[in-house]
Amino acid sequence: MLHNGFNMTWQKGKSGNPNGRPRKSQKTMAQLRSQISEHLPDVIEVLAGAAKKGDVQAARILVERCVPSMRAIDQNVNVNEAVRSISDEELIQMVKDFETEVEKIH
């Protein structure tokens, strides 16, 4: 194919960009990280404030970037007789009491 009098087809075995993409210097990357880390507490504070006001994206970013991921673990749990004897009503009331205490904390 010709474009403005030049052959624009790729030649077999030759790269259109033989040197590749230029790399950023390590010094530049270290400076960038340093500048970002100086402002990180302020950024987290702003994200937390936005998340508390209902900004779902801010909450997602905080959880994805600041909270370690939770992994399922296998764990043996021994339930003794005292716990087995709790009625469904008592258990429901215990859960409600727990939820009330959690709400007081937040």
N, C-alpha and C. Protein backbone atom coordinates (compact mmCIF):
# COMPACT_ATOMS: atom_id res chain seq x y z
N MET A 1 0.84 -1.16 0.00
CA MET A 1 0.00 0.00 0.00
C MET A 1 0.90 1.24 0.00
N LEU A 2 0.54 2.21 -0.82
CA LEU A 2 1.29 3.46 -0.89
C LEU A 2 0.54 4.55 -0.16
N HIS A 3 1.29 5.36 0.58
CA HIS A 3 0.72 6.50 1.28
C HIS A 3 1.69 7.66 1.11
N ASN A 4 1.25 8.71 0.42
CA ASN A 4 2.12 9.86 0.11
C ASN A 4 3.42 9.42 -0.57
N GLY A 5 3.32 8.41 -1.39
CA GLY A 5 4.49 7.95 -2.15
C GLY A 5 5.38 6.98 -1.39
N PHE A 6 5.04 6.60 -0.14
CA PHE A 6 5.85 5.67 0.64
C PHE A 6 5.14 4.33 0.76
N ASN A 7 5.92 3.27 0.74
CA ASN A 7 5.38 1.93 0.92
C ASN A 7 5.06 1.74 2.40
N MET A 8 3.81 1.49 2.76
CA MET A 8 3.37 1.42 4.15
C MET A 8 3.12 -0.02 4.62
N THR A 9 3.57 -1.02 3.89
CA THR A 9 3.37 -2.40 4.33
C THR A 9 4.53 -2.82 5.22
N TRP A 10 4.26 -3.75 6.13
CA TRP A 10 5.30 -4.27 7.01
C TRP A 10 6.20 -5.21 6.23
N GLN A 11 7.48 -5.10 6.47
CA GLN A 11 8.42 -6.01 5.83
C GLN A 11 8.60 -7.22 6.74
N LYS A 12 8.59 -8.39 6.14
CA LYS A 12 8.70 -9.63 6.89
C LYS A 12 10.02 -9.66 7.66
N GLY A 13 9.95 -9.96 8.94
CA GLY A 13 11.16 -10.09 9.76
C GLY A 13 11.70 -8.78 10.31
N LYS A 14 11.04 -7.66 10.06
CA LYS A 14 11.51 -6.37 10.58
C LYS A 14 10.45 -5.76 11.47
N SER A 15 10.90 -5.24 12.62
CA SER A 15 9.98 -4.62 13.57
C SER A 15 9.73 -3.18 13.16
N GLY A 16 8.51 -2.74 13.38
CA GLY A 16 8.19 -1.34 13.15
C GLY A 16 8.76 -0.44 14.23
N ASN A 17 9.19 -1.05 15.33
CA ASN A 17 9.77 -0.31 16.45
C ASN A 17 10.92 -1.14 17.03
N PRO A 18 12.08 -1.13 16.34
CA PRO A 18 13.16 -2.04 16.72
C PRO A 18 13.72 -1.78 18.13
N ASN A 19 13.67 -0.56 18.61
CA ASN A 19 14.21 -0.28 19.95
C ASN A 19 13.17 -0.48 21.05
N GLY A 20 11.93 -0.67 20.71
CA GLY A 20 10.89 -0.87 21.70
C GLY A 20 10.50 0.42 22.38
N ARG A 21 9.64 0.29 23.33
CA ARG A 21 9.16 1.44 24.09
C ARG A 21 10.25 1.90 25.06
N PRO A 22 10.51 3.19 25.11
CA PRO A 22 11.56 3.65 26.03
C PRO A 22 11.15 3.42 27.48
N ARG A 23 12.10 2.99 28.31
CA ARG A 23 11.82 2.73 29.72
C ARG A 23 11.94 4.01 30.53
N LYS A 24 11.15 4.08 31.58
CA LYS A 24 11.27 5.21 32.50
C LYS A 24 12.41 4.89 33.45
N SER A 25 13.14 5.90 33.83
CA SER A 25 14.28 5.66 34.70
C SER A 25 13.79 5.27 36.10
N GLN A 26 14.58 4.47 36.79
CA GLN A 26 14.25 4.05 38.15
C GLN A 26 14.20 5.26 39.08
N LYS A 27 15.06 6.25 38.80
CA LYS A 27 15.09 7.45 39.62
C LYS A 27 13.76 8.19 39.52
N THR A 28 13.23 8.29 38.32
CA THR A 28 11.96 8.97 38.11
C THR A 28 10.84 8.23 38.85
N MET A 29 10.83 6.91 38.78
CA MET A 29 9.80 6.12 39.45
C MET A 29 9.91 6.27 40.97
N ALA A 30 11.14 6.28 41.49
CA ALA A 30 11.34 6.43 42.94
C ALA A 30 10.86 7.81 43.39
N GLN A 31 11.14 8.83 42.60
CA GLN A 31 10.69 10.18 42.95
C GLN A 31 9.16 10.25 42.95
N LEU A 32 8.55 9.63 41.96
CA LEU A 32 7.09 9.62 41.86
C LEU A 32 6.48 8.93 43.08
N ARG A 33 7.02 7.75 43.45
CA ARG A 33 6.52 7.04 44.62
C ARG A 33 6.68 7.87 45.89
N SER A 34 7.80 8.55 46.00
CA SER A 34 8.07 9.38 47.17
C SER A 34 7.05 10.52 47.27
N GLN A 35 6.79 11.17 46.16
CA GLN A 35 5.84 12.28 46.15
C GLN A 35 4.42 11.80 46.47
N ILE A 36 4.07 10.63 45.95
CA ILE A 36 2.73 10.08 46.22
C ILE A 36 2.61 9.70 47.69
N SER A 37 3.65 9.06 48.24
CA SER A 37 3.57 8.59 49.62
C SER A 37 3.45 9.74 50.62
N GLU A 38 3.98 10.90 50.28
CA GLU A 38 3.86 12.07 51.16
C GLU A 38 2.39 12.48 51.35
N HIS A 39 1.59 12.29 50.33
CA HIS A 39 0.20 12.74 50.36
C HIS A 39 -0.79 11.60 50.63
N LEU A 40 -0.29 10.40 50.79
CA LEU A 40 -1.16 9.24 50.94
C LEU A 40 -2.10 9.34 52.15
N PRO A 41 -1.65 9.77 53.33
CA PRO A 41 -2.61 9.88 54.45
C PRO A 41 -3.78 10.82 54.14
N ASP A 42 -3.49 11.92 53.45
CA ASP A 42 -4.56 12.86 53.09
C ASP A 42 -5.53 12.23 52.09
N VAL A 43 -4.99 11.49 51.15
CA VAL A 43 -5.83 10.83 50.13
C VAL A 43 -6.74 9.81 50.81
N ILE A 44 -6.19 9.03 51.72
CA ILE A 44 -6.99 8.02 52.43
C ILE A 44 -8.08 8.69 53.26
N GLU A 45 -7.74 9.81 53.90
CA GLU A 45 -8.72 10.54 54.70
C GLU A 45 -9.88 11.04 53.83
N VAL A 46 -9.55 11.57 52.65
CA VAL A 46 -10.59 12.06 51.74
C VAL A 46 -11.46 10.91 51.26
N LEU A 47 -10.83 9.78 50.91
CA LEU A 47 -11.59 8.61 50.46
C LEU A 47 -12.50 8.11 51.57
N ALA A 48 -12.00 8.06 52.80
CA ALA A 48 -12.81 7.58 53.93
C ALA A 48 -14.00 8.50 54.15
N GLY A 49 -13.77 9.81 54.07
CA GLY A 49 -14.88 10.75 54.23
C GLY A 49 -15.94 10.58 53.16
N ALA A 50 -15.48 10.39 51.92
CA ALA A 50 -16.43 10.20 50.82
C ALA A 50 -17.19 8.88 50.99
N ALA A 51 -16.48 7.83 51.44
CA ALA A 51 -17.14 6.54 51.64
C ALA A 51 -18.20 6.63 52.74
N LYS A 52 -17.89 7.36 53.80
CA LYS A 52 -18.86 7.52 54.89
C LYS A 52 -20.10 8.27 54.45
N LYS A 53 -19.95 9.13 53.44
CA LYS A 53 -21.10 9.89 52.92
C LYS A 53 -21.87 9.11 51.86
N GLY A 54 -21.41 7.88 51.56
CA GLY A 54 -22.16 7.03 50.64
C GLY A 54 -21.52 6.84 49.28
N ASP A 55 -20.31 7.34 49.07
CA ASP A 55 -19.63 7.17 47.79
C ASP A 55 -19.14 5.72 47.67
N VAL A 56 -19.84 4.94 46.86
CA VAL A 56 -19.56 3.52 46.73
C VAL A 56 -18.18 3.28 46.11
N GLN A 57 -17.79 4.08 45.14
CA GLN A 57 -16.48 3.90 44.52
C GLN A 57 -15.36 4.16 45.51
N ALA A 58 -15.50 5.17 46.35
CA ALA A 58 -14.49 5.46 47.36
C ALA A 58 -14.39 4.30 48.33
N ALA A 59 -15.52 3.76 48.74
CA ALA A 59 -15.52 2.61 49.65
C ALA A 59 -14.85 1.41 49.00
N ARG A 60 -15.15 1.17 47.73
CA ARG A 60 -14.55 0.04 47.02
C ARG A 60 -13.03 0.19 46.94
N ILE A 61 -12.57 1.39 46.62
CA ILE A 61 -11.13 1.63 46.53
C ILE A 61 -10.47 1.38 47.88
N LEU A 62 -11.06 1.89 48.95
CA LEU A 62 -10.50 1.69 50.28
C LEU A 62 -10.41 0.21 50.62
N VAL A 63 -11.49 -0.51 50.36
CA VAL A 63 -11.50 -1.93 50.71
C VAL A 63 -10.50 -2.71 49.84
N GLU A 64 -10.46 -2.42 48.56
CA GLU A 64 -9.57 -3.16 47.67
C GLU A 64 -8.10 -2.86 47.94
N ARG A 65 -7.78 -1.62 48.28
CA ARG A 65 -6.39 -1.20 48.39
C ARG A 65 -5.84 -1.15 49.81
N CYS A 66 -6.72 -0.97 50.80
CA CYS A 66 -6.24 -0.73 52.16
C CYS A 66 -6.53 -1.87 53.13
N VAL A 67 -7.47 -2.74 52.79
CA VAL A 67 -7.83 -3.84 53.67
C VAL A 67 -7.31 -5.13 53.07
N PRO A 68 -6.54 -5.91 53.84
CA PRO A 68 -6.05 -7.17 53.28
C PRO A 68 -7.20 -8.10 52.92
N SER A 69 -7.01 -8.85 51.86
CA SER A 69 -8.08 -9.74 51.42
C SER A 69 -8.28 -10.85 52.44
N MET A 70 -9.54 -11.23 52.60
CA MET A 70 -9.87 -12.29 53.55
C MET A 70 -9.86 -13.62 52.82
N ARG A 71 -9.34 -14.61 53.48
CA ARG A 71 -9.28 -15.95 52.89
C ARG A 71 -10.06 -16.92 53.78
N ALA A 72 -10.71 -17.85 53.15
CA ALA A 72 -11.42 -18.87 53.90
C ALA A 72 -10.40 -19.80 54.55
N ILE A 73 -10.69 -20.19 55.78
CA ILE A 73 -9.81 -21.14 56.47
C ILE A 73 -10.65 -22.28 57.00
N ASP A 74 -10.04 -23.43 57.05
CA ASP A 74 -10.68 -24.58 57.65
C ASP A 74 -10.37 -24.55 59.14
N GLN A 75 -11.40 -24.70 59.94
CA GLN A 75 -11.18 -24.64 61.38
C GLN A 75 -12.16 -25.58 62.05
N ASN A 76 -11.65 -26.40 62.94
CA ASN A 76 -12.52 -27.27 63.73
C ASN A 76 -13.09 -26.48 64.89
N VAL A 77 -14.39 -26.58 65.07
CA VAL A 77 -15.04 -25.86 66.15
C VAL A 77 -15.72 -26.88 67.05
N ASN A 78 -15.36 -26.85 68.32
CA ASN A 78 -16.00 -27.73 69.29
C ASN A 78 -17.14 -26.98 69.96
N VAL A 79 -18.32 -27.55 69.87
CA VAL A 79 -19.49 -26.93 70.50
C VAL A 79 -19.84 -27.77 71.72
N ASN A 80 -19.74 -27.15 72.89
CA ASN A 80 -20.02 -27.93 74.10
C ASN A 80 -21.51 -27.99 74.39
N GLU A 81 -21.86 -28.74 75.40
CA GLU A 81 -23.27 -28.98 75.74
C GLU A 81 -24.01 -27.70 76.11
N ALA A 82 -23.32 -26.74 76.75
CA ALA A 82 -23.98 -25.50 77.15
C ALA A 82 -24.50 -24.75 75.93
N VAL A 83 -23.75 -24.75 74.87
CA VAL A 83 -24.17 -24.05 73.66
C VAL A 83 -25.26 -24.83 72.94
N ARG A 84 -25.16 -26.14 72.95
CA ARG A 84 -26.18 -26.96 72.28
C ARG A 84 -27.55 -26.83 72.93
N SER A 85 -27.57 -26.48 74.22
CA SER A 85 -28.85 -26.41 74.92
C SER A 85 -29.56 -25.08 74.73
N ILE A 86 -28.95 -24.12 74.01
CA ILE A 86 -29.58 -22.81 73.78
C ILE A 86 -30.73 -22.98 72.80
N SER A 87 -31.87 -22.41 73.14
CA SER A 87 -33.03 -22.50 72.25
C SER A 87 -32.86 -21.55 71.07
N ASP A 88 -33.66 -21.73 70.06
CA ASP A 88 -33.62 -20.85 68.88
C ASP A 88 -33.93 -19.41 69.27
N GLU A 89 -34.90 -19.23 70.15
CA GLU A 89 -35.27 -17.89 70.58
C GLU A 89 -34.11 -17.20 71.30
N GLU A 90 -33.44 -17.95 72.18
CA GLU A 90 -32.30 -17.39 72.91
C GLU A 90 -31.18 -17.01 71.95
N LEU A 91 -30.95 -17.86 70.97
CA LEU A 91 -29.90 -17.59 69.98
C LEU A 91 -30.24 -16.35 69.16
N ILE A 92 -31.49 -16.22 68.74
CA ILE A 92 -31.92 -15.04 67.98
C ILE A 92 -31.72 -13.78 68.82
N GLN A 93 -32.08 -13.84 70.11
CA GLN A 93 -31.90 -12.68 70.98
C GLN A 93 -30.42 -12.34 71.14
N MET A 94 -29.56 -13.34 71.22
CA MET A 94 -28.11 -13.10 71.35
C MET A 94 -27.58 -12.39 70.11
N VAL A 95 -28.05 -12.81 68.94
CA VAL A 95 -27.63 -12.18 67.70
C VAL A 95 -28.10 -10.73 67.65
N LYS A 96 -29.34 -10.49 68.05
CA LYS A 96 -29.87 -9.11 68.08
C LYS A 96 -29.06 -8.24 69.03
N ASP A 97 -28.74 -8.78 70.22
CA ASP A 97 -27.93 -8.04 71.19
C ASP A 97 -26.55 -7.71 70.61
N PHE A 98 -25.98 -8.68 69.92
CA PHE A 98 -24.66 -8.46 69.30
C PHE A 98 -24.75 -7.36 68.24
N GLU A 99 -25.77 -7.41 67.40
CA GLU A 99 -25.93 -6.39 66.36
C GLU A 99 -26.11 -5.00 66.98
N THR A 100 -26.84 -4.93 68.09
CA THR A 100 -27.04 -3.65 68.77
C THR A 100 -25.70 -3.11 69.28
N GLU A 101 -24.88 -3.97 69.83
CA GLU A 101 -23.56 -3.55 70.34
C GLU A 101 -22.67 -3.08 69.20
N VAL A 102 -22.73 -3.75 68.06
CA VAL A 102 -21.93 -3.35 66.90
C VAL A 102 -22.38 -1.98 66.40
N GLU A 103 -23.68 -1.74 66.38
CA GLU A 103 -24.20 -0.43 65.95
C GLU A 103 -23.73 0.68 66.88
N LYS A 104 -23.63 0.39 68.17
CA LYS A 104 -23.14 1.40 69.12
C LYS A 104 -21.69 1.78 68.83
N ILE A 105 -20.91 0.83 68.38
CA ILE A 105 -19.50 1.07 68.08
C ILE A 105 -19.37 1.98 66.87
N HIS A 106 -20.22 1.74 65.87
CA HIS A 106 -20.12 2.51 64.64
C HIS A 106 -20.96 3.74 64.75
